[in-house]
């Protein structure tokens, strides 16, 4: 067993890539000609690399795309928002090489007064794939690749878009090795670790384990360490891992923005070497140029992130399907997620700080006994308080003899998803009547006899 430990020091060493550009002698009158020849050679090499990498660039259109002075319009740009999905896969030599270990949708505004978002979709979310059936979303990329060449990216964009209610025309895929090499080529990234991370079951070579031990603090991480920080999940939840992945992505963007890539062609060439073997996208070169132009200066402090989770205020719950653990949306309807995303983008819902867990403030509820079973309200109240709810009132309902438990929203629509989640946990219906209360509760549970058997 090998041991990989990041001590609480200000810097984790970075593997530096050194590129030497030799100065050649010669008359200055030949400088212009030499530069033209060098540029043409570089462009030919560059175009070949792009084509080999799977980036959709045709040889005949490469020069045209590169030197097009007109503006390419990205899909969604005219509506003020461009969406793309970022998929991270293990890659060859790893278990489940084509399973998406990371799935993040970037919804980026093109307006000065707009808001950009990163939405993390958990790998265990249970989804339906047309022509295939139901599966965890982390298998969708593999399903698409089995159906058609380069079909994985298109299918994951389609399914992720259906989950969030967004049109996602673009995808970017990178594997673990490419991710680590890219960070090394950038010279490492600066990451603030909020709390200690310890994992003694991190996958190592030849089915071994490594120990990952990263103390709280601020580090310059190399690629290998950043990958471990982003991937580790043995001692934390997938949702915590998703938050760390978002943090690493923002750190990469921040570091890339600090480097003047146009003044360092050797760096560009080295990065293209990495992308050749580890990267895939359906963005055309002209679209990539436009994408960089639009978003290279995006303000990271205004980039808001959301991790969909199974917390009390989350929109998901864990269950088993055919003995397989999966996550489902509350109410078993993905519309609860797409409705939420629509409200977030419209500014009707304010998200928490991007690097903090979702709010854990307990939902205030009142419980009324609608049966003739003595003490049922107090029994259910005790259990719900153990589950993290705050019961502010128990009592008897005016109507007795009810068989089905019903949960009512008393929040005026402000806690819709929390109320649905409460109903799901009780296997109850969600009432549609508009009720009021003086107890301060945001939800009312009216118990039916079915609650005695839950």
Protein backbone atom coordinates (compact mmCIF):
# COMPACT_ATOMS: atom_id res chain seq x y z
CA UNK A 1 0.00 0.00 0.00
CA UNK A 2 1.39 3.40 -0.94
CA UNK A 3 0.79 6.47 1.14
CA UNK A 4 0.08 9.86 -0.42
CA UNK A 5 -0.07 12.67 2.12
CA UNK A 6 -0.42 16.41 1.66
CA UNK A 7 1.00 18.08 4.75
CA UNK A 8 -0.36 21.43 5.93
CA UNK A 9 2.28 23.49 4.16
CA UNK A 10 1.73 26.46 1.85
CA UNK A 11 2.85 24.65 -1.29
CA UNK A 12 2.45 21.18 -2.74
CA UNK A 13 5.23 20.81 -5.34
CA UNK A 14 4.21 21.03 -8.97
CA UNK A 15 5.74 19.10 -11.83
CA UNK A 16 7.06 21.86 -14.04
CA UNK A 17 7.19 21.52 -17.83
CA UNK A 18 10.20 23.28 -19.35
CA UNK A 19 10.16 24.44 -22.96
CA UNK A 20 13.34 25.96 -24.44
CA UNK A 21 13.07 28.39 -27.34
CA UNK A 22 16.49 28.96 -28.90
CA UNK A 23 17.42 32.31 -30.40
CA UNK A 24 18.56 32.00 -34.01
CA UNK A 25 20.86 34.43 -35.74
CA UNK A 26 20.17 36.04 -39.13
CA UNK A 27 19.53 39.33 -40.83
CA UNK A 28 16.53 41.26 -39.59
CA UNK A 29 15.19 41.45 -43.14
CA UNK A 30 14.43 37.73 -42.94
CA UNK A 31 12.51 38.07 -39.68
CA UNK A 32 9.13 38.58 -41.30
CA UNK A 33 9.56 35.62 -43.67
CA UNK A 34 10.75 33.38 -40.85
CA UNK A 35 7.77 34.27 -38.72
CA UNK A 36 5.34 33.53 -41.55
CA UNK A 37 6.94 30.13 -42.17
CA UNK A 38 6.94 29.35 -38.45
CA UNK A 39 3.30 30.34 -38.10
CA UNK A 40 2.26 28.22 -41.08
CA UNK A 41 4.12 25.21 -39.68
CA UNK A 42 2.58 25.74 -36.27
CA UNK A 43 -0.91 26.07 -37.74
CA UNK A 44 -0.52 22.85 -39.70
CA UNK A 45 0.66 21.03 -36.58
CA UNK A 46 -2.06 22.66 -34.49
CA UNK A 47 -4.82 21.65 -36.91
CA UNK A 48 -3.56 18.08 -37.06
CA UNK A 49 -3.50 17.84 -33.28
CA UNK A 50 -7.05 19.13 -33.05
CA UNK A 51 -8.29 16.64 -35.61
CA UNK A 52 -6.52 13.74 -33.90
CA UNK A 53 -7.93 14.76 -30.53
CA UNK A 54 -11.49 14.21 -31.73
CA UNK A 55 -12.18 17.92 -31.77
CA UNK A 56 -14.50 18.39 -34.70
CA UNK A 57 -12.23 20.37 -37.02
CA UNK A 58 -11.97 19.57 -40.72
CA UNK A 59 -8.62 20.09 -42.45
CA UNK A 60 -10.12 22.26 -45.19
CA UNK A 61 -11.92 24.54 -42.72
CA UNK A 62 -9.16 24.83 -40.11
CA UNK A 63 -7.34 27.86 -41.53
CA UNK A 64 -10.66 29.47 -42.43
CA UNK A 65 -11.99 28.99 -38.91
CA UNK A 66 -8.78 30.20 -37.29
CA UNK A 67 -8.58 33.42 -39.29
CA UNK A 68 -12.28 34.20 -39.52
CA UNK A 69 -12.76 37.80 -38.52
CA UNK A 70 -16.53 37.56 -38.43
CA UNK A 71 -18.26 36.56 -35.22
CA UNK A 72 -19.52 33.04 -34.68
CA UNK A 73 -22.66 33.02 -32.56
CA UNK A 74 -22.89 30.28 -29.95
CA UNK A 75 -26.18 28.46 -29.49
CA UNK A 76 -28.08 30.31 -26.78
CA UNK A 77 -26.00 33.47 -27.07
CA UNK A 78 -28.87 35.46 -28.59
CA UNK A 79 -31.01 34.49 -25.55
CA UNK A 80 -28.27 35.66 -23.21
CA UNK A 81 -27.18 32.25 -21.90
CA UNK A 82 -24.84 29.50 -23.16
CA UNK A 83 -25.03 26.03 -21.61
CA UNK A 84 -22.51 23.20 -21.76
CA UNK A 85 -21.87 20.02 -19.79
CA UNK A 86 -18.49 19.09 -18.34
CA UNK A 87 -17.98 15.33 -18.02
CA UNK A 88 -15.03 13.78 -16.22
CA UNK A 89 -14.34 10.06 -16.80
CA UNK A 90 -11.67 7.72 -15.36
CA UNK A 91 -10.30 6.79 -18.79
CA UNK A 92 -8.39 3.72 -19.89
CA UNK A 93 -6.62 1.73 -17.19
CA UNK A 94 -9.25 2.51 -14.54
CA UNK A 95 -12.33 0.68 -13.34
CA UNK A 96 -15.39 1.82 -15.32
CA UNK A 97 -13.28 3.89 -17.74
CA UNK A 98 -16.32 5.50 -19.42
CA UNK A 99 -18.47 6.14 -16.35
CA UNK A 100 -18.83 9.83 -15.61
CA UNK A 101 -17.25 10.39 -12.22
CA UNK A 102 -17.94 14.12 -12.54
CA UNK A 103 -20.93 15.79 -14.20
CA UNK A 104 -21.25 19.57 -14.05
CA UNK A 105 -23.45 21.80 -16.18
CA UNK A 106 -22.16 25.34 -16.74
CA UNK A 107 -24.90 27.85 -17.52
CA UNK A 108 -23.07 31.04 -18.45
CA UNK A 109 -24.65 34.44 -18.98
CA UNK A 110 -23.60 36.72 -21.84
CA UNK A 111 -25.16 39.77 -20.20
CA UNK A 112 -23.25 42.22 -18.03
CA UNK A 113 -25.98 42.14 -15.38
CA UNK A 114 -26.62 38.39 -15.65
CA UNK A 115 -25.68 35.51 -13.38
CA UNK A 116 -23.67 32.40 -14.28
CA UNK A 117 -24.09 29.03 -12.57
CA UNK A 118 -22.44 25.64 -12.12
CA UNK A 119 -24.92 22.82 -11.42
CA UNK A 120 -23.47 19.52 -10.17
CA UNK A 121 -25.55 16.42 -10.94
CA UNK A 122 -24.79 13.45 -8.65
CA UNK A 123 -23.57 10.27 -10.32
CA UNK A 124 -26.30 8.14 -8.67
CA UNK A 125 -29.27 10.10 -10.06
CA UNK A 126 -31.70 7.61 -11.64
CA UNK A 127 -32.73 8.66 -15.16
CA UNK A 128 -34.45 7.25 -18.21
CA UNK A 129 -32.46 6.95 -21.43
CA UNK A 130 -34.57 6.78 -24.63
CA UNK A 131 -34.16 3.44 -26.35
CA UNK A 132 -32.23 1.98 -23.44
CA UNK A 133 -34.20 2.17 -20.21
CA UNK A 134 -33.46 3.38 -16.70
CA UNK A 135 -29.94 3.72 -15.32
CA UNK A 136 -27.76 5.89 -13.14
CA UNK A 137 -26.73 9.05 -14.93
CA UNK A 138 -23.04 8.16 -14.57
CA UNK A 139 -23.59 5.34 -17.12
CA UNK A 140 -25.17 7.57 -19.80
CA UNK A 141 -21.88 8.55 -21.45
CA UNK A 142 -20.93 4.89 -21.82
CA UNK A 143 -24.38 4.01 -23.20
CA UNK A 144 -24.05 6.75 -25.82
CA UNK A 145 -20.59 5.62 -26.87
CA UNK A 146 -21.83 2.05 -27.29
CA UNK A 147 -24.57 3.29 -29.62
CA UNK A 148 -22.49 5.53 -31.87
CA UNK A 149 -18.99 6.90 -32.30
CA UNK A 150 -18.64 10.01 -30.12
CA UNK A 151 -22.26 9.45 -29.08
CA UNK A 152 -21.52 9.67 -25.36
CA UNK A 153 -21.05 13.42 -25.23
CA UNK A 154 -24.22 14.15 -27.17
CA UNK A 155 -26.29 11.77 -25.06
CA UNK A 156 -25.03 13.08 -21.72
CA UNK A 157 -25.79 16.65 -22.87
CA UNK A 158 -29.31 15.55 -23.82
CA UNK A 159 -30.03 13.72 -20.57
CA UNK A 160 -28.45 16.37 -18.32
CA UNK A 161 -30.45 19.00 -20.18
CA UNK A 162 -33.64 17.05 -19.54
CA UNK A 163 -32.87 16.85 -15.83
CA UNK A 164 -32.24 20.58 -15.48
CA UNK A 165 -34.76 21.78 -18.05
CA UNK A 166 -32.01 23.43 -20.11
CA UNK A 167 -31.00 23.22 -23.75
CA UNK A 168 -27.38 22.02 -23.58
CA UNK A 169 -25.87 22.04 -27.09
CA UNK A 170 -22.22 21.59 -26.10
CA UNK A 171 -20.18 19.06 -24.17
CA UNK A 172 -16.58 18.81 -23.00
CA UNK A 173 -15.12 15.49 -21.83
CA UNK A 174 -11.76 14.97 -20.16
CA UNK A 175 -10.29 11.92 -18.42
CA UNK A 176 -8.43 11.80 -15.11
CA UNK A 177 -4.94 11.64 -16.60
CA UNK A 178 -5.60 14.64 -18.83
CA UNK A 179 -7.07 16.56 -15.90
CA UNK A 180 -3.92 16.06 -13.82
CA UNK A 181 -1.56 16.82 -16.71
CA UNK A 182 -3.44 20.00 -17.57
CA UNK A 183 -3.07 21.30 -14.01
CA UNK A 184 0.64 20.48 -14.02
CA UNK A 185 1.09 22.32 -17.31
CA UNK A 186 -0.62 25.38 -15.82
CA UNK A 187 1.91 25.30 -12.98
CA UNK A 188 -0.52 24.06 -10.35
CA UNK A 189 -3.66 25.63 -8.92
CA UNK A 190 -4.37 27.43 -5.66
CA UNK A 191 -7.05 25.71 -3.58
CA UNK A 192 -8.27 26.50 -0.07
CA UNK A 193 -9.18 23.31 1.80
CA UNK A 194 -11.93 24.17 4.27
CA UNK A 195 -11.65 21.04 6.42
CA UNK A 196 -9.32 18.08 6.79
CA UNK A 197 -9.76 15.35 4.18
CA UNK A 198 -8.68 11.79 5.02
CA UNK A 199 -9.29 8.77 2.80
CA UNK A 200 -7.51 5.42 3.32
CA UNK A 201 -9.34 3.72 0.45
CA UNK A 202 -8.37 5.93 -2.47
CA UNK A 203 -7.88 3.77 -5.62
CA UNK A 204 -4.24 3.08 -6.42
CA UNK A 205 -2.46 1.15 -9.19
CA UNK A 206 -3.09 -2.58 -9.63
CA UNK A 207 -6.24 -2.49 -7.47
CA UNK A 208 -4.33 -1.21 -4.44
CA UNK A 209 -5.26 1.59 -2.05
CA UNK A 210 -3.57 4.88 -1.30
CA UNK A 211 -3.97 7.14 1.72
CA UNK A 212 -5.01 10.72 1.00
CA UNK A 213 -4.48 13.05 3.95
CA UNK A 214 -4.95 16.76 3.19
CA UNK A 215 -5.19 19.13 6.13
CA UNK A 216 -7.22 22.33 6.10
CA UNK A 217 -5.27 25.22 4.58
CA UNK A 218 -4.40 26.92 1.31
CA UNK A 219 -2.21 25.01 -1.15
CA UNK A 220 -0.70 25.19 -4.59
CA UNK A 221 -1.73 21.71 -5.73
CA UNK A 222 -0.14 19.75 -8.52
CA UNK A 223 -2.30 17.68 -10.83
CA UNK A 224 -2.07 14.42 -8.88
CA UNK A 225 -3.05 16.08 -5.60
CA UNK A 226 -5.86 18.12 -7.14
CA UNK A 227 -7.24 14.93 -8.68
CA UNK A 228 -7.21 13.17 -5.32
CA UNK A 229 -8.86 16.17 -3.66
CA UNK A 230 -11.59 16.22 -6.31
CA UNK A 231 -12.17 12.45 -6.52
CA UNK A 232 -11.94 11.26 -2.91
CA UNK A 233 -15.28 10.10 -1.53
CA UNK A 234 -14.60 7.25 0.88
CA UNK A 235 -14.83 9.38 4.02
CA UNK A 236 -17.19 12.05 2.66
CA UNK A 237 -20.37 12.14 0.60
CA UNK A 238 -20.68 12.44 -3.17
CA UNK A 239 -22.23 15.83 -2.54
CA UNK A 240 -19.17 17.10 -0.64
CA UNK A 241 -17.03 15.76 -3.46
CA UNK A 242 -19.13 17.66 -6.02
CA UNK A 243 -18.49 20.87 -4.09
CA UNK A 244 -14.75 20.17 -4.12
CA UNK A 245 -14.87 19.50 -7.87
CA UNK A 246 -16.56 22.84 -8.47
CA UNK A 247 -13.87 24.54 -6.38
CA UNK A 248 -11.10 22.87 -8.42
CA UNK A 249 -12.71 23.88 -11.72
CA UNK A 250 -12.89 27.50 -10.60
CA UNK A 251 -9.25 27.32 -9.49
CA UNK A 252 -8.24 26.03 -12.95
CA UNK A 253 -10.12 28.88 -14.61
CA UNK A 254 -8.53 31.38 -12.22
CA UNK A 255 -5.01 30.08 -12.93
CA UNK A 256 -5.57 29.99 -16.69
CA UNK A 257 -6.76 33.60 -16.63
CA UNK A 258 -3.52 34.63 -14.88
CA UNK A 259 -1.40 33.24 -17.74
CA UNK A 260 -1.01 35.16 -20.96
CA UNK A 261 -1.25 32.15 -23.25
CA UNK A 262 -0.83 34.15 -26.45
CA UNK A 263 2.66 35.20 -25.35
CA UNK A 264 3.66 31.62 -24.59
CA UNK A 265 3.21 29.42 -27.68
CA UNK A 266 5.23 26.61 -26.07
CA UNK A 267 2.62 26.43 -23.32
CA UNK A 268 -0.19 26.28 -25.90
CA UNK A 269 1.57 23.46 -27.75
CA UNK A 270 2.09 21.49 -24.53
CA UNK A 271 -1.56 21.87 -23.61
CA UNK A 272 -2.61 20.75 -27.08
CA UNK A 273 -0.48 17.62 -26.63
CA UNK A 274 -2.48 16.86 -23.50
CA UNK A 275 -5.83 17.49 -25.18
CA UNK A 276 -4.92 15.22 -28.09
CA UNK A 277 -5.19 12.09 -25.97
CA UNK A 278 -7.47 13.07 -23.12
CA UNK A 279 -10.04 15.56 -24.40
CA UNK A 280 -13.16 15.56 -26.56
CA UNK A 281 -15.72 18.24 -27.42
CA UNK A 282 -18.28 19.05 -30.08
CA UNK A 283 -17.26 22.72 -30.01
CA UNK A 284 -15.89 23.74 -33.40
CA UNK A 285 -12.71 25.80 -33.43
CA UNK A 286 -14.61 28.97 -34.33
CA UNK A 287 -17.04 28.28 -31.50
CA UNK A 288 -14.19 27.72 -29.07
CA UNK A 289 -12.68 31.05 -30.12
CA UNK A 290 -16.02 32.74 -29.46
CA UNK A 291 -16.44 30.90 -26.17
CA UNK A 292 -13.02 32.11 -24.96
CA UNK A 293 -13.79 35.66 -26.09
CA UNK A 294 -17.09 35.72 -24.21
CA UNK A 295 -16.08 34.06 -20.97
CA UNK A 296 -12.31 34.46 -20.46
CA UNK A 297 -12.91 37.38 -18.08
CA UNK A 298 -15.86 35.91 -16.20
CA UNK A 299 -15.90 37.10 -12.58
CA UNK A 300 -15.40 34.02 -10.41
CA UNK A 301 -16.76 35.85 -7.36
CA UNK A 302 -20.10 36.09 -9.13
CA UNK A 303 -20.17 32.47 -10.30
CA UNK A 304 -22.78 30.68 -8.19
CA UNK A 305 -22.74 26.91 -7.77
CA UNK A 306 -25.40 24.39 -6.80
CA UNK A 307 -24.95 20.78 -5.73
CA UNK A 308 -28.15 18.74 -5.87
CA UNK A 309 -28.21 16.55 -2.77
CA UNK A 310 -30.40 14.58 -0.37
CA UNK A 311 -30.29 17.03 2.56
CA UNK A 312 -33.49 18.22 4.22
CA UNK A 313 -33.48 21.23 1.92
CA UNK A 314 -32.29 19.21 -1.07
CA UNK A 315 -34.38 17.92 -3.94
CA UNK A 316 -33.28 14.28 -3.86
CA UNK A 317 -33.71 11.20 -1.71
CA UNK A 318 -31.84 7.90 -1.64
CA UNK A 319 -33.52 4.56 -2.26
CA UNK A 320 -32.85 1.17 -3.87
CA UNK A 321 -33.94 -0.15 -7.25
CA UNK A 322 -33.23 -3.83 -7.87
CA UNK A 323 -30.85 -3.77 -4.87
CA UNK A 324 -28.92 -0.85 -6.43
CA UNK A 325 -28.60 2.43 -4.54
CA UNK A 326 -29.94 5.36 -6.54
CA UNK A 327 -31.05 8.94 -6.03
CA UNK A 328 -34.52 10.07 -7.07
CA UNK A 329 -36.11 13.52 -7.12
CA UNK A 330 -38.66 14.20 -4.39
CA UNK A 331 -42.08 13.21 -5.69
CA UNK A 332 -40.29 10.96 -8.23
CA UNK A 333 -40.65 13.67 -10.85
CA UNK A 334 -37.62 15.39 -12.39
CA UNK A 335 -39.80 18.44 -12.94
CA UNK A 336 -39.07 19.38 -9.33
CA UNK A 337 -35.43 19.94 -10.39
CA UNK A 338 -36.14 21.71 -13.69
CA UNK A 339 -38.69 24.01 -11.99
CA UNK A 340 -36.09 24.85 -9.36
CA UNK A 341 -33.41 25.60 -11.97
CA UNK A 342 -35.83 27.85 -13.87
CA UNK A 343 -36.49 29.83 -10.68
CA UNK A 344 -32.76 30.05 -9.90
CA UNK A 345 -31.89 31.39 -13.35
CA UNK A 346 -34.82 33.82 -13.22
CA UNK A 347 -33.51 35.14 -9.90
CA UNK A 348 -36.59 34.01 -7.98
CA UNK A 349 -34.52 31.72 -5.73
CA UNK A 350 -31.27 32.88 -4.13
CA UNK A 351 -28.64 30.18 -3.77
CA UNK A 352 -26.29 29.87 -0.83
CA UNK A 353 -22.63 30.76 -1.01
CA UNK A 354 -21.09 28.56 -3.70
CA UNK A 355 -18.52 26.93 -1.42
CA UNK A 356 -20.80 26.29 1.52
CA UNK A 357 -23.15 23.35 2.09
CA UNK A 358 -26.85 23.96 1.59
CA UNK A 359 -28.70 25.58 4.49
CA UNK A 360 -29.44 23.13 7.29
CA UNK A 361 -32.12 25.24 8.98
CA UNK A 362 -34.83 22.73 9.94
CA UNK A 363 -38.26 22.95 8.35
CA UNK A 364 -40.86 23.98 10.92
CA UNK A 365 -43.89 21.69 10.85
CA UNK A 366 -47.12 21.04 12.73
CA UNK A 367 -48.65 17.57 13.02
CA UNK A 368 -52.37 16.91 13.38
CA UNK A 369 -53.83 13.47 14.10
CA UNK A 370 -56.59 12.68 11.61
CA UNK A 371 -57.16 9.18 13.02
CA UNK A 372 -58.63 7.63 16.16
CA UNK A 373 -55.23 6.17 17.09
CA UNK A 374 -54.24 7.74 20.41
CA UNK A 375 -50.76 9.29 20.54
CA UNK A 376 -50.03 8.94 16.81
CA UNK A 377 -49.15 12.62 16.37
CA UNK A 378 -46.56 12.55 19.15
CA UNK A 379 -45.10 9.29 17.85
CA UNK A 380 -44.62 10.70 14.34
CA UNK A 381 -43.33 14.00 15.79
CA UNK A 382 -40.61 12.18 17.72
CA UNK A 383 -39.42 10.41 14.58
CA UNK A 384 -39.47 13.55 12.42
CA UNK A 385 -37.47 15.47 15.02
CA UNK A 386 -34.85 12.71 14.89
CA UNK A 387 -34.80 13.23 11.10
CA UNK A 388 -33.99 16.92 11.58
CA UNK A 389 -37.39 18.61 11.38
CA UNK A 390 -38.61 21.10 13.97
CA UNK A 391 -42.11 20.26 15.24
CA UNK A 392 -43.76 23.42 16.59
CA UNK A 393 -47.25 22.00 17.20
CA UNK A 394 -49.00 18.66 17.66
CA UNK A 395 -52.73 18.16 18.07
CA UNK A 396 -55.93 16.61 16.73
CA UNK A 397 -57.42 17.29 13.34
CA UNK A 398 -61.04 18.47 13.20
CA UNK A 399 -61.88 15.60 10.82
CA UNK A 400 -61.15 12.03 11.97
CA UNK A 401 -61.13 8.65 10.26
CA UNK A 402 -58.62 9.60 7.57
CA UNK A 403 -56.70 6.76 5.94
CA UNK A 404 -54.14 8.70 3.85
CA UNK A 405 -51.59 11.14 5.28
CA UNK A 406 -51.50 14.55 3.57
CA UNK A 407 -48.83 17.25 3.79
CA UNK A 408 -49.79 20.89 3.16
CA UNK A 409 -47.51 23.77 2.20
CA UNK A 410 -47.98 26.69 4.60
CA UNK A 411 -45.00 28.67 3.28
CA UNK A 412 -46.74 30.39 0.38
CA UNK A 413 -44.61 28.45 -2.06
CA UNK A 414 -41.26 29.39 -0.46
CA UNK A 415 -40.58 25.83 0.77
CA UNK A 416 -42.20 23.86 -2.03
CA UNK A 417 -39.36 21.37 -2.44
CA UNK A 418 -38.84 20.85 1.29
CA UNK A 419 -42.56 20.17 1.67
CA UNK A 420 -42.48 17.65 -1.16
CA UNK A 421 -39.49 15.96 0.39
CA UNK A 422 -41.32 15.71 3.73
CA UNK A 423 -44.29 14.15 1.95
CA UNK A 424 -42.00 11.66 0.19
CA UNK A 425 -40.43 10.60 3.49
CA UNK A 426 -43.92 9.92 4.92
CA UNK A 427 -45.22 8.31 1.73
CA UNK A 428 -47.92 10.98 1.88
CA UNK A 429 -49.88 13.02 -0.61
CA UNK A 430 -49.23 16.74 -1.10
CA UNK A 431 -52.37 18.74 -0.42
CA UNK A 432 -53.44 21.50 -2.78
CA UNK A 433 -55.63 23.48 -0.39
CA UNK A 434 -54.35 26.91 0.66
CA UNK A 435 -54.19 26.80 4.45
CA UNK A 436 -52.99 29.25 7.10
CA UNK A 437 -51.64 28.86 10.61
CA UNK A 438 -50.59 30.94 13.60
CA UNK A 439 -47.99 28.45 14.87
CA UNK A 440 -45.18 29.65 12.60
CA UNK A 441 -45.07 26.27 10.85
CA UNK A 442 -44.19 26.15 7.17
CA UNK A 443 -45.84 22.76 6.60
CA UNK A 444 -48.77 20.86 8.11
CA UNK A 445 -48.93 17.07 8.34
CA UNK A 446 -52.42 15.62 8.70
CA UNK A 447 -51.98 11.99 9.65
CA UNK A 448 -53.99 9.16 8.18
CA UNK A 449 -54.05 5.60 9.47
CA UNK A 450 -51.30 4.67 6.99
CA UNK A 451 -48.88 6.65 9.20
CA UNK A 452 -49.20 4.02 11.93
CA UNK A 453 -47.55 1.43 9.68
CA UNK A 454 -44.73 3.61 8.27
